[in-house]
């Protein structure tokens, strides 16, 4: 955690935080019912797992990250091959999330009564719910997404898949058991909770990534991106994700007045290129990266001239990525 930008104090406090939460959770679990305790422990363990995986993916040293240093013949690379390249990890995760959502829905619907008269119905319907939901996830492409770049379009896919799986579960249970003894409101609660869990799990990489400090590349050349847009976001991700570039992003400049003096992807947009000299002098900028794929020739020549005057290197998106 220190290597990716946290101070030693912050890193220790985070570890203490995990220890405190674990202890409190253990104390609370002794005072709660078994069903509620299982829910809290499972959610906490999932969060810890996502946090570990996010840290393991970070390139801390000049070499590769833990999850990319795979050599054949070892257990860890084998697990990485299975979980990341074969999508088995996502399926295993959903094999936890689906029963968890169904169990939470059951507890909420019957007000925490874990082993009441409806528990046998819950047990016999759970395999059907899991099978129908996984089938819907496969059919509607939930497992085709990339978690690092998940967005609102993916959330729409999740919503469709959860809806299709829920409806299919109801229809199958209706056909097999005539829905005798089933609670219709339970499936409504289940739909809401599962959608929330699936969405939160897929956004976990982005959320944890946003929580890590920016400019984690200590000692790197301080860089400014020209263009706070979609292409600028690509450049930002390349700088943050590829430590071999030796760059530390400071912020953006953009000629769009509506973007100036605001924040884009967590970084400040200082102003337009007319304020380049001020930004370079104040923040010690060594390089400016143009994010636009096509830039007006006159504007480009003007920017080259100004960067040359300020003794600042000027590069382009294509050069940076290549």
Protein backbone atom coordinates (compact mmCIF):
# COMPACT_ATOMS: atom_id res chain seq x y z
CA UNK A 1 0.00 0.00 0.00
CA UNK A 2 2.91 2.35 0.69
CA UNK A 3 4.38 1.61 -2.74
CA UNK A 4 1.19 2.60 -4.56
CA UNK A 5 0.94 5.98 -2.86
CA UNK A 6 -0.43 5.62 0.67
CA UNK A 7 1.66 7.12 3.45
CA UNK A 8 3.03 4.66 5.99
CA UNK A 9 0.67 6.12 8.58
CA UNK A 10 -2.35 5.66 6.30
CA UNK A 11 -1.33 2.11 5.39
CA UNK A 12 -1.01 1.15 9.06
CA UNK A 13 -4.34 2.81 9.87
CA UNK A 14 -6.01 0.82 7.09
CA UNK A 15 -4.63 -2.41 8.53
CA UNK A 16 -5.76 -1.38 11.99
CA UNK A 17 -9.16 -0.59 10.49
CA UNK A 18 -9.49 -4.10 9.08
CA UNK A 19 -8.49 -5.53 12.47
CA UNK A 20 -11.00 -3.35 14.34
CA UNK A 21 -13.83 -4.15 11.93
CA UNK A 22 -13.04 -7.86 12.17
CA UNK A 23 -13.10 -7.72 15.97
CA UNK A 24 -16.32 -5.72 16.10
CA UNK A 25 -17.92 -8.06 13.61
CA UNK A 26 -16.97 -11.04 15.77
CA UNK A 27 -18.46 -9.35 18.84
CA UNK A 28 -21.65 -8.36 17.04
CA UNK A 29 -22.08 -11.82 15.53
CA UNK A 30 -22.38 -13.35 18.99
CA UNK A 31 -25.37 -11.12 19.71
CA UNK A 32 -27.19 -11.63 16.43
CA UNK A 33 -29.02 -14.57 14.95
CA UNK A 34 -27.08 -17.06 12.87
CA UNK A 35 -28.76 -15.95 9.66
CA UNK A 36 -27.88 -12.26 10.08
CA UNK A 37 -24.35 -13.10 11.22
CA UNK A 38 -23.75 -15.16 8.08
CA UNK A 39 -24.85 -12.24 5.93
CA UNK A 40 -22.54 -9.74 7.64
CA UNK A 41 -19.52 -12.07 7.64
CA UNK A 42 -20.01 -13.00 3.97
CA UNK A 43 -20.27 -9.37 2.84
CA UNK A 44 -17.19 -8.43 4.86
CA UNK A 45 -15.15 -11.33 3.47
CA UNK A 46 -16.18 -10.40 -0.07
CA UNK A 47 -15.01 -6.82 0.51
CA UNK A 48 -11.66 -8.02 1.88
CA UNK A 49 -11.26 -10.33 -1.12
CA UNK A 50 -11.94 -7.53 -3.62
CA UNK A 51 -9.49 -5.30 -1.78
CA UNK A 52 -6.77 -7.96 -1.89
CA UNK A 53 -7.31 -8.65 -5.58
CA UNK A 54 -7.16 -4.92 -6.38
CA UNK A 55 -3.86 -4.59 -4.53
CA UNK A 56 -2.49 -7.75 -6.15
CA UNK A 57 -3.14 -6.32 -9.61
CA UNK A 58 -1.08 -3.18 -8.93
CA UNK A 59 2.42 -3.04 -10.40
CA UNK A 60 4.32 -2.07 -7.27
CA UNK A 61 7.85 -2.62 -8.58
CA UNK A 62 9.32 -2.16 -12.05
CA UNK A 63 8.43 -5.80 -12.75
CA UNK A 64 4.97 -7.21 -13.17
CA UNK A 65 2.25 -7.42 -10.55
CA UNK A 66 1.58 -10.56 -8.54
CA UNK A 67 -1.21 -11.55 -10.87
CA UNK A 68 0.96 -11.28 -13.97
CA UNK A 69 4.11 -13.08 -12.79
CA UNK A 70 2.69 -16.45 -13.65
CA UNK A 71 5.04 -19.31 -14.36
CA UNK A 72 3.72 -22.66 -15.33
CA UNK A 73 3.87 -25.47 -12.81
CA UNK A 74 2.90 -23.40 -9.75
CA UNK A 75 -0.40 -23.31 -7.92
CA UNK A 76 -0.89 -19.54 -7.90
CA UNK A 77 -0.53 -19.05 -11.68
CA UNK A 78 -2.89 -21.97 -12.19
CA UNK A 79 -5.51 -20.30 -10.03
CA UNK A 80 -4.95 -17.00 -11.83
CA UNK A 81 -5.34 -18.73 -15.21
CA UNK A 82 -8.61 -20.30 -14.10
CA UNK A 83 -10.11 -17.31 -12.32
CA UNK A 84 -9.15 -14.52 -14.69
CA UNK A 85 -8.88 -16.00 -18.14
CA UNK A 86 -11.67 -18.55 -17.82
CA UNK A 87 -14.11 -16.26 -16.01
CA UNK A 88 -14.55 -18.93 -13.36
CA UNK A 89 -13.95 -16.38 -10.64
CA UNK A 90 -17.01 -14.38 -11.71
CA UNK A 91 -19.17 -17.48 -11.80
CA UNK A 92 -17.96 -18.55 -8.35
CA UNK A 93 -18.64 -15.05 -7.07
CA UNK A 94 -22.20 -15.17 -8.38
CA UNK A 95 -22.62 -18.59 -6.79
CA UNK A 96 -22.12 -16.70 -3.54
CA UNK A 97 -24.04 -13.52 -4.38
CA UNK A 98 -27.20 -15.22 -5.64
CA UNK A 99 -27.82 -17.38 -2.53
CA UNK A 100 -26.76 -14.42 -0.37
CA UNK A 101 -29.32 -12.13 -2.01
CA UNK A 102 -32.00 -14.81 -1.76
CA UNK A 103 -31.15 -15.41 1.91
CA UNK A 104 -31.24 -11.69 2.75
CA UNK A 105 -34.59 -11.40 0.97
CA UNK A 106 -35.90 -14.34 2.97
CA UNK A 107 -34.76 -12.76 6.26
CA UNK A 108 -36.25 -9.38 5.37
CA UNK A 109 -39.54 -10.84 4.17
CA UNK A 110 -40.03 -12.95 7.28
CA UNK A 111 -38.50 -10.41 9.67
CA UNK A 112 -35.38 -12.37 10.61
CA UNK A 113 -37.13 -15.66 11.21
CA UNK A 114 -34.46 -17.90 9.71
CA UNK A 115 -35.90 -21.31 10.39
CA UNK A 116 -39.64 -20.79 10.34
CA UNK A 117 -42.29 -22.72 8.49
CA UNK A 118 -41.14 -21.23 5.17
CA UNK A 119 -37.55 -22.46 5.47
CA UNK A 120 -38.19 -25.80 3.64
CA UNK A 121 -39.64 -23.82 0.74
CA UNK A 122 -36.52 -21.63 0.70
CA UNK A 123 -34.24 -24.69 0.62
CA UNK A 124 -36.01 -26.47 -2.23
CA UNK A 125 -36.34 -23.31 -4.33
CA UNK A 126 -32.74 -22.10 -3.87
CA UNK A 127 -31.15 -24.44 -6.49
CA UNK A 128 -33.78 -23.36 -9.00
CA UNK A 129 -33.11 -19.68 -8.33
CA UNK A 130 -29.33 -20.14 -8.67
CA UNK A 131 -29.60 -22.16 -11.89
CA UNK A 132 -32.07 -19.77 -13.51
CA UNK A 133 -30.04 -16.71 -12.54
CA UNK A 134 -26.74 -18.10 -13.82
CA UNK A 135 -28.44 -19.12 -17.07
CA UNK A 136 -29.74 -15.56 -17.50
CA UNK A 137 -26.29 -14.13 -16.72
CA UNK A 138 -24.69 -16.31 -19.39
CA UNK A 139 -27.43 -15.65 -21.91
CA UNK A 140 -27.42 -11.85 -21.55
CA UNK A 141 -23.65 -11.39 -21.49
CA UNK A 142 -22.91 -10.50 -17.88
CA UNK A 143 -19.63 -12.42 -18.10
CA UNK A 144 -18.40 -10.60 -21.17
CA UNK A 145 -17.63 -7.32 -19.44
CA UNK A 146 -14.30 -6.05 -18.10
CA UNK A 147 -14.57 -4.93 -14.51
CA UNK A 148 -11.90 -2.23 -14.80
CA UNK A 149 -14.01 -0.38 -17.38
CA UNK A 150 -17.52 -1.10 -16.14
CA UNK A 151 -20.05 1.66 -16.77
CA UNK A 152 -23.75 2.44 -16.86
CA UNK A 153 -24.28 0.34 -19.99
CA UNK A 154 -23.08 -2.65 -18.02
CA UNK A 155 -25.51 -1.81 -15.22
CA UNK A 156 -28.34 -1.94 -17.76
CA UNK A 157 -27.15 -5.42 -18.77
CA UNK A 158 -27.06 -6.46 -15.11
CA UNK A 159 -30.60 -5.17 -14.65
CA UNK A 160 -31.87 -7.14 -17.63
CA UNK A 161 -30.07 -10.31 -16.52
CA UNK A 162 -31.31 -10.09 -12.92
CA UNK A 163 -34.83 -9.38 -14.14
CA UNK A 164 -34.75 -12.29 -16.60
CA UNK A 165 -33.35 -14.63 -13.95
CA UNK A 166 -35.93 -13.57 -11.38
CA UNK A 167 -38.84 -14.00 -13.79
CA UNK A 168 -37.51 -17.36 -14.94
CA UNK A 169 -37.16 -18.50 -11.31
CA UNK A 170 -40.77 -17.56 -10.63
CA UNK A 171 -42.00 -19.38 -13.73
CA UNK A 172 -40.03 -22.56 -12.97
CA UNK A 173 -41.20 -22.60 -9.35
CA UNK A 174 -44.72 -21.99 -10.58
CA UNK A 175 -44.49 -24.92 -12.94
CA UNK A 176 -42.93 -27.30 -10.40
CA UNK A 177 -44.65 -26.33 -7.17
CA UNK A 178 -47.62 -24.26 -8.38
CA UNK A 179 -46.05 -21.49 -6.28
CA UNK A 180 -47.71 -22.99 -3.21
CA UNK A 181 -46.40 -21.36 -0.04
CA UNK A 182 -44.12 -18.96 -1.95
CA UNK A 183 -44.04 -15.26 -1.16
CA UNK A 184 -44.32 -13.05 -4.23
CA UNK A 185 -42.87 -10.04 -2.44
CA UNK A 186 -39.77 -12.08 -1.59
CA UNK A 187 -38.80 -12.16 -5.26
CA UNK A 188 -39.25 -8.40 -5.54
CA UNK A 189 -36.87 -7.91 -2.60
CA UNK A 190 -34.52 -10.48 -4.11
CA UNK A 191 -34.43 -8.59 -7.42
CA UNK A 192 -33.44 -5.34 -5.69
CA UNK A 193 -30.78 -6.89 -3.47
CA UNK A 194 -29.18 -9.04 -6.18
CA UNK A 195 -28.97 -6.13 -8.59
CA UNK A 196 -27.29 -4.06 -5.87
CA UNK A 197 -24.81 -6.83 -5.01
CA UNK A 198 -23.92 -7.63 -8.62
CA UNK A 199 -23.46 -3.95 -9.48
CA UNK A 200 -21.38 -3.25 -6.36
CA UNK A 201 -19.15 -6.27 -6.98
CA UNK A 202 -18.47 -5.26 -10.61
CA UNK A 203 -17.76 -1.66 -9.63
CA UNK A 204 -15.44 -2.77 -6.82
CA UNK A 205 -12.26 -2.38 -8.89
CA UNK A 206 -13.16 1.16 -9.90
CA UNK A 207 -14.27 2.15 -6.40
CA UNK A 208 -11.10 0.83 -4.76
CA UNK A 209 -9.02 2.35 -7.55
CA UNK A 210 -10.60 5.76 -6.97
CA UNK A 211 -9.88 5.42 -3.25
CA UNK A 212 -6.15 4.92 -3.83
CA UNK A 213 -4.01 8.08 -3.93
CA UNK A 214 -3.40 9.80 -7.22
CA UNK A 215 0.09 10.57 -8.47
CA UNK A 216 1.38 7.37 -6.88
CA UNK A 217 4.48 7.42 -9.09
CA UNK A 218 6.89 9.13 -6.72
CA UNK A 219 9.85 10.73 -8.44
CA UNK A 220 8.26 10.43 -11.87
CA UNK A 221 8.12 13.22 -14.42
CA UNK A 222 5.19 15.49 -13.66
CA UNK A 223 2.86 15.47 -16.61
CA UNK A 224 -0.12 17.49 -17.79
CA UNK A 225 -2.79 16.18 -20.17
CA UNK A 226 -4.16 18.52 -22.82
CA UNK A 227 -7.81 17.62 -23.28
CA UNK A 228 -10.23 16.63 -20.51
CA UNK A 229 -12.41 14.26 -22.49
CA UNK A 230 -12.75 10.61 -23.44
CA UNK A 231 -9.27 10.51 -24.98
CA UNK A 232 -7.88 12.30 -21.93
CA UNK A 233 -9.36 9.59 -19.76
CA UNK A 234 -7.53 6.96 -21.83
CA UNK A 235 -4.23 8.78 -21.35
CA UNK A 236 -4.91 9.09 -17.62
CA UNK A 237 -5.56 5.35 -17.33
CA UNK A 238 -2.39 4.57 -19.26
CA UNK A 239 -0.30 6.82 -17.00
CA UNK A 240 -1.81 5.42 -13.82
CA UNK A 241 -1.71 1.81 -14.96
CA UNK A 242 1.74 1.73 -16.57
CA UNK A 243 4.36 2.68 -14.02
CA UNK A 244 7.12 1.91 -16.51
CA UNK A 245 6.31 5.24 -18.18
CA UNK A 246 7.73 7.00 -15.11
CA UNK A 247 5.01 9.68 -15.21
CA UNK A 248 3.07 11.32 -12.39
CA UNK A 249 -0.14 12.96 -13.56
CA UNK A 250 -0.79 16.42 -12.12
CA UNK A 251 -3.95 17.45 -13.95
CA UNK A 252 -5.52 18.61 -17.21
CA UNK A 253 -5.81 21.70 -19.35
CA UNK A 254 -8.69 22.16 -21.74
CA UNK A 255 -9.87 25.06 -23.89
CA UNK A 256 -13.52 24.31 -23.11
CA UNK A 257 -14.56 27.03 -20.64
CA UNK A 258 -17.20 24.74 -19.17
CA UNK A 259 -14.50 22.31 -18.00
CA UNK A 260 -12.01 24.82 -16.64
CA UNK A 261 -11.51 25.20 -12.88
CA UNK A 262 -13.38 21.94 -12.33
CA UNK A 263 -12.29 18.37 -11.66
CA UNK A 264 -12.14 15.58 -14.23
CA UNK A 265 -11.68 11.98 -13.07
CA UNK A 266 -10.46 13.31 -9.72
CA UNK A 267 -7.85 15.66 -11.22
CA UNK A 268 -8.06 19.46 -11.55
CA UNK A 269 -8.64 21.11 -14.93
CA UNK A 270 -6.45 24.19 -14.49
CA UNK A 271 -7.64 26.12 -17.52
CA UNK A 272 -6.88 26.42 -21.21
CA UNK A 273 -3.54 26.34 -23.01
CA UNK A 274 -3.29 30.11 -22.45
CA UNK A 275 -2.48 29.36 -18.78
CA UNK A 276 0.14 26.73 -19.63
CA UNK A 277 3.11 28.83 -18.48
CA UNK A 278 1.53 29.50 -15.10
CA UNK A 279 0.68 25.82 -14.54
CA UNK A 280 4.14 24.66 -15.64
CA UNK A 281 5.89 27.10 -13.29
CA UNK A 282 3.62 26.39 -10.32
CA UNK A 283 3.58 22.58 -10.55
CA UNK A 284 6.95 21.81 -12.11
CA UNK A 285 5.52 20.18 -15.24
CA UNK A 286 8.03 18.27 -17.37
CA UNK A 287 5.75 16.95 -20.09
CA UNK A 288 2.45 17.74 -21.79
CA UNK A 289 0.51 14.91 -23.45
CA UNK A 290 -1.98 15.76 -26.19
CA UNK A 291 -5.02 13.51 -25.88
CA UNK A 292 -6.73 14.64 -29.10
CA UNK A 293 -6.35 12.20 -31.97
CA UNK A 294 -6.77 15.00 -34.50
CA UNK A 295 -5.67 18.54 -33.67
CA UNK A 296 -5.71 21.68 -35.76
CA UNK A 297 -2.29 22.12 -37.38
CA UNK A 298 -1.94 25.79 -36.44
CA UNK A 299 -2.97 25.11 -32.83
CA UNK A 300 -0.52 22.20 -32.68
CA UNK A 301 2.36 24.33 -33.99
CA UNK A 302 1.50 27.06 -31.50
CA UNK A 303 1.50 24.54 -28.64
CA UNK A 304 4.82 23.06 -29.80
CA UNK A 305 6.38 26.49 -29.86
CA UNK A 306 5.16 27.37 -26.38
CA UNK A 307 6.30 24.02 -24.91
CA UNK A 308 9.70 24.52 -26.53
CA UNK A 309 9.93 27.97 -24.95
CA UNK A 310 9.04 26.54 -21.54
CA UNK A 311 11.49 23.62 -22.01
CA UNK A 312 8.62 21.12 -21.66
CA UNK A 313 8.42 17.90 -23.64
CA UNK A 314 5.33 17.52 -25.84
CA UNK A 315 4.00 14.06 -26.74
CA UNK A 316 0.85 12.57 -28.23
CA UNK A 317 -1.62 9.89 -27.18
CA UNK A 318 -0.38 7.48 -29.86
CA UNK A 319 3.27 7.92 -28.90
CA UNK A 320 2.50 7.39 -25.21
CA UNK A 321 0.54 4.17 -25.79
CA UNK A 322 3.01 2.76 -28.30
